[in-house]
Amino acid sequence: MEIETQHEIISKLQPTGISIAYETTPGGYFPLHWHEELEILYPLNGTADIMIEGRSFHLLKKHMLVVESCKVHSTYTYDEVSMFVCIHISKKHMRQYFPEIDSYQIRCTPEDTADEQFPVYRAACELLEALTRLYMEEPPTYRMEAEGLVLQILSRLIRFFSVRQTPSAPTENSLAMERIRDVITYVEEHFREPVSLDDVSGLLGLGKEYFCRFFKKNMGMTFLNYLSEVRLAHTYDDLLNTNAPISEVMEANGFTNQKLFNSSFKSLYGCTPSAVRKERSGF
């Protein structure tokens, strides 16, 4: 994925404003990030925990969860190999069908689905299942049919799972999330360099101690743990996709203490960096 400071750039959007990805990736953690597109997640195997602006959701296979645009979120998948459908939808493009779409916030998670909403939720999941079958069949009209299915899903989400919001003054929570997005962006740009609490608290014009309390309150973790997780996620990706020595990968991603790096890596991924490299090599 193309990333601008964990402001994720969805680079595969079609002219219609829809990106449909069928992803098979190693399980594990993808740290806090955000993007301007609406996201629909549909795991095809296993389970995942999705954190959205401090609230955790448990997502089972063949269940759907929606992440609204610009919401800070992270994912953790428990299986060694994670397979899922990931759809991104540009609200800007959807204005051609529904000009008022920016006024609607979609709230669709398994935990929050009311009894009266469940038949519609189940029907949307069945459309996602049909989308998966279509992908496997590979008809020449795949894109036409696939994007048609996505538009049906989006329409139902707006009709049955959205709340219309009138323009209002920024709330304390919206201002906090704007600040958090600034921090996430800064970290993704500078995680390979030394990053201090003074640097990031100064970015927001806050005192160091107040910033630490602010970040933990809104994100459910300390800033230093978050910074470490971002570095670990990039390290994991580099271990899979490069041949550089582990020590070089570690240093290139901002770690300077070998012992701390090894213990943090094993704590997050349940294995050592060398085990990841060996697994990739097939021996």
C-alpha atoms as a PDB file:
ATOM      1  CA  MET A   1       0.000   0.000   0.000  1.00  0.00           C
ATOM      2  CA  GLU A   2       1.132   3.520  -0.693  1.00  0.00           C
ATOM      3  CA  ILE A   3       1.250   5.411   2.593  1.00  0.00           C
ATOM      4  CA  GLU A   4       1.587   9.063   3.459  1.00  0.00           C
ATOM      5  CA  THR A   5       2.323   8.971   7.175  1.00  0.00           C
ATOM      6  CA  GLN A   6      -0.218   6.378   7.749  1.00  0.00           C
ATOM      7  CA  HIS A   7      -2.559   8.639   5.926  1.00  0.00           C
ATOM      8  CA  GLU A   8      -3.037   5.754   3.571  1.00  0.00           C
ATOM      9  CA  ILE A   9      -3.201   6.593  -0.112  1.00  0.00           C
ATOM     10  CA  ILE A  10      -5.561   4.212  -1.896  1.00  0.00           C
ATOM     11  CA  SER A  11      -3.756   4.048  -5.210  1.00  0.00           C
ATOM     12  CA  LYS A  12      -5.913   1.432  -6.996  1.00  0.00           C
ATOM     13  CA  LEU A  13      -9.182   3.334  -7.154  1.00  0.00           C
ATOM     14  CA  GLN A  14     -10.911   2.866 -10.493  1.00  0.00           C
ATOM     15  CA  PRO A  15     -12.421   5.845 -12.379  1.00  0.00           C
ATOM     16  CA  THR A  16     -15.671   4.979 -10.592  1.00  0.00           C
ATOM     17  CA  GLY A  17     -14.011   5.662  -7.208  1.00  0.00           C
ATOM     18  CA  ILE A  18     -14.108   1.998  -6.143  1.00  0.00           C
ATOM     19  CA  SER A  19     -11.167  -0.247  -5.242  1.00  0.00           C
ATOM     20  CA  ILE A  20     -11.806  -3.971  -4.652  1.00  0.00           C
ATOM     21  CA  ALA A  21      -8.906  -6.008  -3.299  1.00  0.00           C
ATOM     22  CA  TYR A  22      -8.809  -9.733  -2.506  1.00  0.00           C
ATOM     23  CA  GLU A  23      -5.842  -9.912  -0.187  1.00  0.00           C
ATOM     24  CA  THR A  24      -3.893 -12.854   1.157  1.00  0.00           C
ATOM     25  CA  THR A  25      -1.323 -11.626   3.630  1.00  0.00           C
ATOM     26  CA  PRO A  26       0.573 -12.908   6.670  1.00  0.00           C
ATOM     27  CA  GLY A  27      -1.486 -12.474   9.799  1.00  0.00           C
ATOM     28  CA  GLY A  28      -0.501  -9.902  12.357  1.00  0.00           C
ATOM     29  CA  TYR A  29      -0.784  -6.249  13.147  1.00  0.00           C
ATOM     30  CA  PHE A  30      -1.310  -3.273  10.857  1.00  0.00           C
ATOM     31  CA  PRO A  31      -0.875  -0.135  12.965  1.00  0.00           C
ATOM     32  CA  LEU A  32      -3.056   2.935  13.279  1.00  0.00           C
ATOM     33  CA  HIS A  33      -3.754   4.646   9.957  1.00  0.00           C
ATOM     34  CA  TRP A  34      -6.466   6.593   8.171  1.00  0.00           C
ATOM     35  CA  HIS A  35      -7.603   7.370   4.659  1.00  0.00           C
ATOM     36  CA  GLU A  36     -10.181   9.562   2.980  1.00  0.00           C
ATOM     37  CA  GLU A  37     -12.084   6.614   1.486  1.00  0.00           C
ATOM     38  CA  LEU A  38     -14.837   4.602   3.131  1.00  0.00           C
ATOM     39  CA  GLU A  39     -13.644   1.034   3.828  1.00  0.00           C
ATOM     40  CA  ILE A  40     -15.588  -2.249   3.887  1.00  0.00           C
ATOM     41  CA  LEU A  41     -13.797  -5.256   5.426  1.00  0.00           C
ATOM     42  CA  TYR A  42     -14.963  -8.847   4.913  1.00  0.00           C
ATOM     43  CA  PRO A  43     -12.650 -11.614   6.208  1.00  0.00           C
ATOM     44  CA  LEU A  44     -12.739 -14.885   4.299  1.00  0.00           C
ATOM     45  CA  ASN A  45     -11.052 -16.844   7.079  1.00  0.00           C
ATOM     46  CA  GLY A  46     -10.198 -16.557  10.742  1.00  0.00           C
ATOM     47  CA  THR A  47     -10.891 -13.618  12.995  1.00  0.00           C
ATOM     48  CA  ALA A  48      -9.623 -10.078  13.345  1.00  0.00           C
ATOM     49  CA  ASP A  49      -9.725  -7.277  15.874  1.00  0.00           C
ATOM     50  CA  ILE A  50     -10.397  -3.850  14.418  1.00  0.00           C
ATOM     51  CA  MET A  51      -9.686  -0.761  16.517  1.00  0.00           C
ATOM     52  CA  ILE A  52     -11.575   2.351  15.376  1.00  0.00           C
ATOM     53  CA  GLU A  53     -10.771   5.578  17.230  1.00  0.00           C
ATOM     54  CA  GLY A  54     -10.187   3.784  20.520  1.00  0.00           C
ATOM     55  CA  ARG A  55     -13.025   1.241  20.293  1.00  0.00           C
ATOM     56  CA  SER A  56     -12.320  -2.427  19.570  1.00  0.00           C
ATOM     57  CA  PHE A  57     -14.488  -4.656  17.352  1.00  0.00           C
ATOM     58  CA  HIS A  58     -14.127  -8.423  16.944  1.00  0.00           C
ATOM     59  CA  LEU A  59     -14.721  -9.456  13.346  1.00  0.00           C
ATOM     60  CA  LEU A  60     -15.470 -13.086  12.448  1.00  0.00           C
ATOM     61  CA  LYS A  61     -15.023 -14.602   8.995  1.00  0.00           C
ATOM     62  CA  LYS A  62     -17.737 -13.734   6.472  1.00  0.00           C
ATOM     63  CA  HIS A  63     -18.947 -10.832   8.582  1.00  0.00           C
ATOM     64  CA  MET A  64     -18.808  -7.232   7.406  1.00  0.00           C
ATOM     65  CA  LEU A  65     -17.483  -4.126   9.106  1.00  0.00           C
ATOM     66  CA  VAL A  66     -17.419  -0.568   7.787  1.00  0.00           C
ATOM     67  CA  VAL A  67     -14.759   2.016   8.622  1.00  0.00           C
ATOM     68  CA  GLU A  68     -15.959   5.514   7.786  1.00  0.00           C
ATOM     69  CA  SER A  69     -13.712   7.929   5.893  1.00  0.00           C
ATOM     70  CA  CYS A  70     -10.977   9.673   7.893  1.00  0.00           C
ATOM     71  CA  LYS A  71     -11.448   7.369  10.921  1.00  0.00           C
ATOM     72  CA  VAL A  72      -8.218   6.342  12.643  1.00  0.00           C
ATOM     73  CA  HIS A  73      -8.102   2.536  12.806  1.00  0.00           C
ATOM     74  CA  SER A  74      -5.836  -0.490  13.101  1.00  0.00           C
ATOM     75  CA  THR A  75      -6.244  -4.217  12.421  1.00  0.00           C
ATOM     76  CA  TYR A  76      -4.912  -7.388  14.001  1.00  0.00           C
ATOM     77  CA  THR A  77      -5.518 -10.779  12.363  1.00  0.00           C
ATOM     78  CA  TYR A  78      -4.901 -13.978  14.298  1.00  0.00           C
ATOM     79  CA  ASP A  79      -4.323 -16.542  11.558  1.00  0.00           C
ATOM     80  CA  GLU A  80      -0.916 -17.214  10.019  1.00  0.00           C
ATOM     81  CA  VAL A  81      -2.412 -16.361   6.636  1.00  0.00           C
ATOM     82  CA  SER A  82      -5.216 -13.826   6.447  1.00  0.00           C
ATOM     83  CA  MET A  83      -7.597 -13.708   3.478  1.00  0.00           C
ATOM     84  CA  PHE A  84     -10.156 -10.961   3.123  1.00  0.00           C
ATOM     85  CA  VAL A  85     -12.041  -8.683   0.777  1.00  0.00           C
ATOM     86  CA  CYS A  86     -11.113  -5.045   1.280  1.00  0.00           C
ATOM     87  CA  ILE A  87     -13.168  -2.408  -0.538  1.00  0.00           C
ATOM     88  CA  HIS A  88     -12.417   1.314  -0.607  1.00  0.00           C
ATOM     89  CA  ILE A  89     -14.990   3.778  -1.870  1.00  0.00           C
ATOM     90  CA  SER A  90     -14.401   7.451  -2.624  1.00  0.00           C
ATOM     91  CA  LYS A  91     -17.297   9.537  -1.342  1.00  0.00           C
ATOM     92  CA  LYS A  92     -16.276  12.264  -3.772  1.00  0.00           C
ATOM     93  CA  HIS A  93     -16.979   9.914  -6.685  1.00  0.00           C
ATOM     94  CA  MET A  94     -20.234   8.707  -5.134  1.00  0.00           C
ATOM     95  CA  ARG A  95     -21.693  12.219  -5.254  1.00  0.00           C
ATOM     96  CA  GLN A  96     -22.665  11.522  -8.865  1.00  0.00           C
ATOM     97  CA  TYR A  97     -25.162   8.963  -7.550  1.00  0.00           C
ATOM     98  CA  PHE A  98     -26.038  10.555  -4.217  1.00  0.00           C
ATOM     99  CA  PRO A  99     -25.042  14.239  -3.915  1.00  0.00           C
ATOM    100  CA  GLU A 100     -25.698  14.337  -0.153  1.00  0.00           C
ATOM    101  CA  ILE A 101     -23.438  11.393   0.709  1.00  0.00           C
ATOM    102  CA  ASP A 102     -20.981  13.560   2.680  1.00  0.00           C
ATOM    103  CA  SER A 103     -23.754  14.327   5.156  1.00  0.00           C
ATOM    104  CA  TYR A 104     -24.171  10.651   6.053  1.00  0.00           C
ATOM    105  CA  GLN A 105     -22.038   8.643   8.478  1.00  0.00           C
ATOM    106  CA  ILE A 106     -22.325   4.864   8.103  1.00  0.00           C
ATOM    107  CA  ARG A 107     -22.218   2.877  11.329  1.00  0.00           C
ATOM    108  CA  CYS A 108     -22.108  -0.809  10.527  1.00  0.00           C
ATOM    109  CA  THR A 109     -20.332  -3.315  12.775  1.00  0.00           C
ATOM    110  CA  PRO A 110     -21.498  -6.781  13.898  1.00  0.00           C
ATOM    111  CA  GLU A 111     -21.748  -5.638  17.533  1.00  0.00           C
ATOM    112  CA  ASP A 112     -23.884  -2.600  16.764  1.00  0.00           C
ATOM    113  CA  THR A 113     -26.289  -4.231  14.311  1.00  0.00           C
ATOM    114  CA  ALA A 114     -29.823  -4.091  15.758  1.00  0.00           C
ATOM    115  CA  ASP A 115     -32.267  -6.971  15.369  1.00  0.00           C
ATOM    116  CA  GLU A 116     -34.314  -5.073  12.808  1.00  0.00           C
ATOM    117  CA  GLN A 117     -31.151  -4.335  10.787  1.00  0.00           C
ATOM    118  CA  PHE A 118     -29.867  -7.913  10.791  1.00  0.00           C
ATOM    119  CA  PRO A 119     -31.704  -9.143   7.641  1.00  0.00           C
ATOM    120  CA  VAL A 120     -30.216  -6.249   5.664  1.00  0.00           C
ATOM    121  CA  TYR A 121     -26.773  -6.872   7.207  1.00  0.00           C
ATOM    122  CA  ARG A 122     -26.985 -10.556   6.245  1.00  0.00           C
ATOM    123  CA  ALA A 123     -28.085  -9.658   2.701  1.00  0.00           C
ATOM    124  CA  ALA A 124     -25.080  -7.305   2.341  1.00  0.00           C
ATOM    125  CA  CYS A 125     -22.753 -10.101   3.486  1.00  0.00           C
ATOM    126  CA  GLU A 126     -24.332 -12.367   0.871  1.00  0.00           C
ATOM    127  CA  LEU A 127     -23.553  -9.746  -1.789  1.00  0.00           C
ATOM    128  CA  LEU A 128     -19.934  -9.793  -0.615  1.00  0.00           C
ATOM    129  CA  GLU A 129     -19.962 -13.574  -0.900  1.00  0.00           C
ATOM    130  CA  ALA A 130     -21.307 -13.222  -4.454  1.00  0.00           C
ATOM    131  CA  LEU A 131     -18.497 -10.753  -5.138  1.00  0.00           C
ATOM    132  CA  THR A 132     -15.964 -13.360  -4.023  1.00  0.00           C
ATOM    133  CA  ARG A 133     -17.477 -16.036  -6.272  1.00  0.00           C
ATOM    134  CA  LEU A 134     -17.436 -13.596  -9.171  1.00  0.00           C
ATOM    135  CA  TYR A 135     -13.727 -12.974  -8.609  1.00  0.00           C
ATOM    136  CA  MET A 136     -13.040 -16.722  -8.745  1.00  0.00           C
ATOM    137  CA  GLU A 137     -15.099 -17.156 -11.941  1.00  0.00           C
ATOM    138  CA  GLU A 138     -13.268 -14.280 -13.720  1.00  0.00           C
ATOM    139  CA  PRO A 139     -15.928 -13.423 -16.321  1.00  0.00           C
ATOM    140  CA  PRO A 140     -14.933 -10.836 -18.951  1.00  0.00           C
ATOM    141  CA  THR A 141     -17.536  -8.479 -17.454  1.00  0.00           C
ATOM    142  CA  TYR A 142     -16.065  -8.839 -13.954  1.00  0.00           C
ATOM    143  CA  ARG A 143     -15.529  -5.127 -13.272  1.00  0.00           C
ATOM    144  CA  MET A 144     -19.030  -4.159 -14.374  1.00  0.00           C
ATOM    145  CA  GLU A 145     -20.672  -6.809 -12.207  1.00  0.00           C
ATOM    146  CA  ALA A 146     -18.326  -6.340  -9.251  1.00  0.00           C
ATOM    147  CA  GLU A 147     -18.744  -2.584  -9.054  1.00  0.00           C
ATOM    148  CA  GLY A 148     -22.489  -3.030  -9.456  1.00  0.00           C
ATOM    149  CA  LEU A 149     -22.516  -5.285  -6.396  1.00  0.00           C
ATOM    150  CA  VAL A 150     -20.482  -2.751  -4.416  1.00  0.00           C
ATOM    151  CA  LEU A 151     -22.940   0.007  -5.324  1.00  0.00           C
ATOM    152  CA  GLN A 152     -25.794  -2.185  -4.092  1.00  0.00           C
ATOM    153  CA  ILE A 153     -23.986  -2.746  -0.795  1.00  0.00           C
ATOM    154  CA  LEU A 154     -23.248   0.961  -0.386  1.00  0.00           C
ATOM    155  CA  SER A 155     -26.860   1.873  -1.137  1.00  0.00           C
ATOM    156  CA  ARG A 156     -28.111  -0.452   1.590  1.00  0.00           C
ATOM    157  CA  LEU A 157     -25.551   0.825   4.039  1.00  0.00           C
ATOM    158  CA  ILE A 158     -26.701   4.404   3.476  1.00  0.00           C
ATOM    159  CA  ARG A 159     -30.391   3.481   3.687  1.00  0.00           C
ATOM    160  CA  PHE A 160     -30.263   1.252   6.760  1.00  0.00           C
ATOM    161  CA  PHE A 161     -27.010   1.906   8.647  1.00  0.00           C
ATOM    162  CA  SER A 162     -26.328   5.616   8.327  1.00  0.00           C
ATOM    163  CA  VAL A 163     -26.994   8.698  10.392  1.00  0.00           C
ATOM    164  CA  ARG A 164     -27.448  12.053   8.717  1.00  0.00           C
ATOM    165  CA  GLN A 165     -25.366  14.743  10.333  1.00  0.00           C
ATOM    166  CA  THR A 166     -26.028  18.450  10.039  1.00  0.00           C
ATOM    167  CA  PRO A 167     -23.034  20.802   9.853  1.00  0.00           C
ATOM    168  CA  SER A 168     -21.997  21.858  13.333  1.00  0.00           C
ATOM    169  CA  ALA A 169     -19.118  23.377  15.215  1.00  0.00           C
ATOM    170  CA  PRO A 170     -16.200  20.974  15.737  1.00  0.00           C
ATOM    171  CA  THR A 171     -16.636  18.837  18.845  1.00  0.00           C
ATOM    172  CA  GLU A 172     -13.958  18.033  21.388  1.00  0.00           C
ATOM    173  CA  ASN A 173     -13.716  14.502  19.974  1.00  0.00           C
ATOM    174  CA  SER A 174     -13.428  15.640  16.341  1.00  0.00           C
ATOM    175  CA  LEU A 175     -10.678  18.078  17.283  1.00  0.00           C
ATOM    176  CA  ALA A 176      -8.878  15.331  19.203  1.00  0.00           C
ATOM    177  CA  MET A 177      -9.046  12.997  16.199  1.00  0.00           C
ATOM    178  CA  GLU A 178      -7.720  15.737  13.939  1.00  0.00           C
ATOM    179  CA  ARG A 179      -4.731  16.063  16.248  1.00  0.00           C
ATOM    180  CA  ILE A 180      -4.268  12.292  16.326  1.00  0.00           C
ATOM    181  CA  ARG A 181      -4.239  12.190  12.523  1.00  0.00           C
ATOM    182  CA  ASP A 182      -1.514  14.844  12.561  1.00  0.00           C
ATOM    183  CA  VAL A 183       0.542  12.668  14.910  1.00  0.00           C
ATOM    184  CA  ILE A 184       0.036   9.565  12.755  1.00  0.00           C
ATOM    185  CA  THR A 185       1.108  11.482   9.688  1.00  0.00           C
ATOM    186  CA  TYR A 186       4.214  12.805  11.430  1.00  0.00           C
ATOM    187  CA  VAL A 187       5.223   9.347  12.674  1.00  0.00           C
ATOM    188  CA  GLU A 188       4.912   7.731   9.254  1.00  0.00           C
ATOM    189  CA  GLU A 189       7.126  10.431   7.779  1.00  0.00           C
ATOM    190  CA  HIS A 190       9.788  10.223  10.508  1.00  0.00           C
ATOM    191  CA  PHE A 191       9.666   6.722  12.078  1.00  0.00           C
ATOM    192  CA  ARG A 192      13.031   5.805  10.532  1.00  0.00           C
ATOM    193  CA  GLU A 193      14.619   8.733  12.411  1.00  0.00           C
ATOM    194  CA  PRO A 194      14.977   9.348  16.148  1.00  0.00           C
ATOM    195  CA  VAL A 195      11.539  10.554  17.346  1.00  0.00           C
ATOM    196  CA  SER A 196      11.220  12.013  20.841  1.00  0.00           C
ATOM    197  CA  LEU A 197       8.213  12.938  22.942  1.00  0.00           C
ATOM    198  CA  ASP A 198       9.441  16.528  22.769  1.00  0.00           C
ATOM    199  CA  ASP A 199       9.264  16.396  18.951  1.00  0.00           C
ATOM    200  CA  VAL A 200       5.734  15.098  18.726  1.00  0.00           C
ATOM    201  CA  SER A 201       4.258  17.053  21.636  1.00  0.00           C
ATOM    202  CA  GLY A 202       5.767  20.214  20.167  1.00  0.00           C
ATOM    203  CA  LEU A 203       4.047  19.400  16.877  1.00  0.00           C
ATOM    204  CA  LEU A 204       0.698  19.888  18.632  1.00  0.00           C
ATOM    205  CA  GLY A 205       1.856  22.711  20.871  1.00  0.00           C
ATOM    206  CA  LEU A 206       1.287  20.601  23.998  1.00  0.00           C
ATOM    207  CA  GLY A 207       3.414  19.868  27.036  1.00  0.00           C
ATOM    208  CA  LYS A 208       5.051  16.444  27.035  1.00  0.00           C
ATOM    209  CA  GLU A 209       3.110  15.047  29.996  1.00  0.00           C
ATOM    210  CA  TYR A 210      -0.223  16.372  28.729  1.00  0.00           C
ATOM    211  CA  PHE A 211       0.456  14.920  25.279  1.00  0.00           C
ATOM    212  CA  CYS A 212       1.165  11.471  26.763  1.00  0.00           C
ATOM    213  CA  ARG A 213      -2.148  11.512  28.637  1.00  0.00           C
ATOM    214  CA  PHE A 214      -3.972  12.846  25.573  1.00  0.00           C
ATOM    215  CA  PHE A 215      -2.607  10.158  23.250  1.00  0.00           C
ATOM    216  CA  LYS A 216      -3.290   7.253  25.607  1.00  0.00           C
ATOM    217  CA  LYS A 217      -6.810   8.490  26.351  1.00  0.00           C
ATOM    218  CA  ASN A 218      -7.715   8.654  22.657  1.00  0.00           C
ATOM    219  CA  MET A 219      -5.762   5.690  21.301  1.00  0.00           C
ATOM    220  CA  GLY A 220      -5.696   3.246  24.211  1.00  0.00           C
ATOM    221  CA  MET A 221      -1.897   2.899  24.137  1.00  0.00           C
ATOM    222  CA  THR A 222       1.127   4.997  24.895  1.00  0.00           C
ATOM    223  CA  PHE A 223       2.713   6.996  22.118  1.00  0.00           C
ATOM    224  CA  LEU A 224       6.008   5.127  22.473  1.00  0.00           C
ATOM    225  CA  ASN A 225       4.214   1.781  22.080  1.00  0.00           C
ATOM    226  CA  TYR A 226       2.498   3.118  18.964  1.00  0.00           C
ATOM    227  CA  LEU A 227       5.798   4.332  17.510  1.00  0.00           C
ATOM    228  CA  SER A 228       7.332   0.920  18.183  1.00  0.00           C
ATOM    229  CA  GLU A 229       4.406  -0.848  16.488  1.00  0.00           C
ATOM    230  CA  VAL A 230       4.735   1.310  13.365  1.00  0.00           C
ATOM    231  CA  ARG A 231       8.439   0.490  13.180  1.00  0.00           C
ATOM    232  CA  LEU A 232       7.764  -3.207  13.767  1.00  0.00           C
ATOM    233  CA  ALA A 233       5.112  -3.336  11.028  1.00  0.00           C
ATOM    234  CA  HIS A 234       7.526  -1.846   8.499  1.00  0.00           C
ATOM    235  CA  THR A 235      10.283  -4.164   9.711  1.00  0.00           C
ATOM    236  CA  TYR A 236       8.033  -7.197   9.264  1.00  0.00           C
ATOM    237  CA  ASP A 237       7.200  -6.109   5.724  1.00  0.00           C
ATOM    238  CA  ASP A 238      10.878  -5.585   4.902  1.00  0.00           C
ATOM    239  CA  LEU A 239      11.792  -9.018   6.288  1.00  0.00           C
ATOM    240  CA  LEU A 240       9.294 -10.553   3.889  1.00  0.00           C
ATOM    241  CA  ASN A 241      10.176  -8.467   0.857  1.00  0.00           C
ATOM    242  CA  THR A 242      13.918  -7.764   1.021  1.00  0.00           C
ATOM    243  CA  ASN A 243      17.106  -9.767   1.445  1.00  0.00           C
ATOM    244  CA  ALA A 244      18.871  -7.227   3.653  1.00  0.00           C
ATOM    245  CA  PRO A 245      20.387  -8.601   6.886  1.00  0.00           C
ATOM    246  CA  ILE A 246      18.058  -8.444   9.875  1.00  0.00           C
ATOM    247  CA  SER A 247      20.336  -5.993  11.677  1.00  0.00           C
ATOM    248  CA  GLU A 248      20.199  -3.605   8.712  1.00  0.00           C
ATOM    249  CA  VAL A 249      16.412  -3.907   8.453  1.00  0.00           C
ATOM    250  CA  MET A 250      16.109  -3.180  12.157  1.00  0.00           C
ATOM    251  CA  GLU A 251      18.269  -0.055  11.978  1.00  0.00           C
ATOM    252  CA  ALA A 252      16.646   1.165   8.757  1.00  0.00           C
ATOM    253  CA  ASN A 253      13.296   1.191  10.540  1.00  0.00           C
ATOM    254  CA  GLY A 254      14.399   3.236  13.528  1.00  0.00           C
ATOM    255  CA  PHE A 255      15.515   0.626  16.070  1.00  0.00           C
ATOM    256  CA  THR A 256      18.841   1.063  17.830  1.00  0.00           C
ATOM    257  CA  ASN A 257      18.611  -1.537  20.633  1.00  0.00           C
ATOM    258  CA  GLN A 258      18.884  -5.139  19.385  1.00  0.00           C
ATOM    259  CA  LYS A 259      17.618  -6.726  22.597  1.00  0.00           C
ATOM    260  CA  LEU A 260      14.602  -4.428  22.854  1.00  0.00           C
ATOM    261  CA  PHE A 261      13.843  -4.926  19.164  1.00  0.00           C
ATOM    262  CA  ASN A 262      13.867  -8.723  19.462  1.00  0.00           C
ATOM    263  CA  SER A 263      11.618  -8.775  22.532  1.00  0.00           C
ATOM    264  CA  SER A 264       9.176  -6.236  21.041  1.00  0.00           C
ATOM    265  CA  PHE A 265       9.013  -8.142  17.758  1.00  0.00           C
ATOM    266  CA  LYS A 266       8.292 -11.452  19.449  1.00  0.00           C
ATOM    267  CA  SER A 267       5.705  -9.862  21.729  1.00  0.00           C
ATOM    268  CA  LEU A 268       3.780  -8.424  18.760  1.00  0.00           C
ATOM    269  CA  TYR A 269       4.159 -11.240  16.192  1.00  0.00           C
ATOM    270  CA  GLY A 270       4.703 -14.301  18.372  1.00  0.00           C
ATOM    271  CA  CYS A 271       7.937 -15.270  16.631  1.00  0.00           C
ATOM    272  CA  THR A 272      11.474 -14.021  16.084  1.00  0.00           C
ATOM    273  CA  PRO A 273      12.609 -11.917  13.095  1.00  0.00           C
ATOM    274  CA  SER A 274      14.795 -14.808  11.919  1.00  0.00           C
ATOM    275  CA  ALA A 275      11.759 -17.127  11.948  1.00  0.00           C
ATOM    276  CA  VAL A 276       9.930 -14.744   9.603  1.00  0.00           C
ATOM    277  CA  ARG A 277      12.900 -14.686   7.241  1.00  0.00           C
ATOM    278  CA  LYS A 278      13.220 -18.503   7.335  1.00  0.00           C
ATOM    279  CA  GLU A 279       9.509 -18.978   6.697  1.00  0.00           C
ATOM    280  CA  ARG A 280       9.710 -16.713   3.657  1.00  0.00           C
ATOM    281  CA  SER A 281      12.696 -18.668   2.352  1.00  0.00           C
ATOM    282  CA  GLY A 282      10.891 -21.984   2.850  1.00  0.00           C
ATOM    283  CA  PHE A 283      13.405 -23.610   5.149  1.00  0.00           C
END
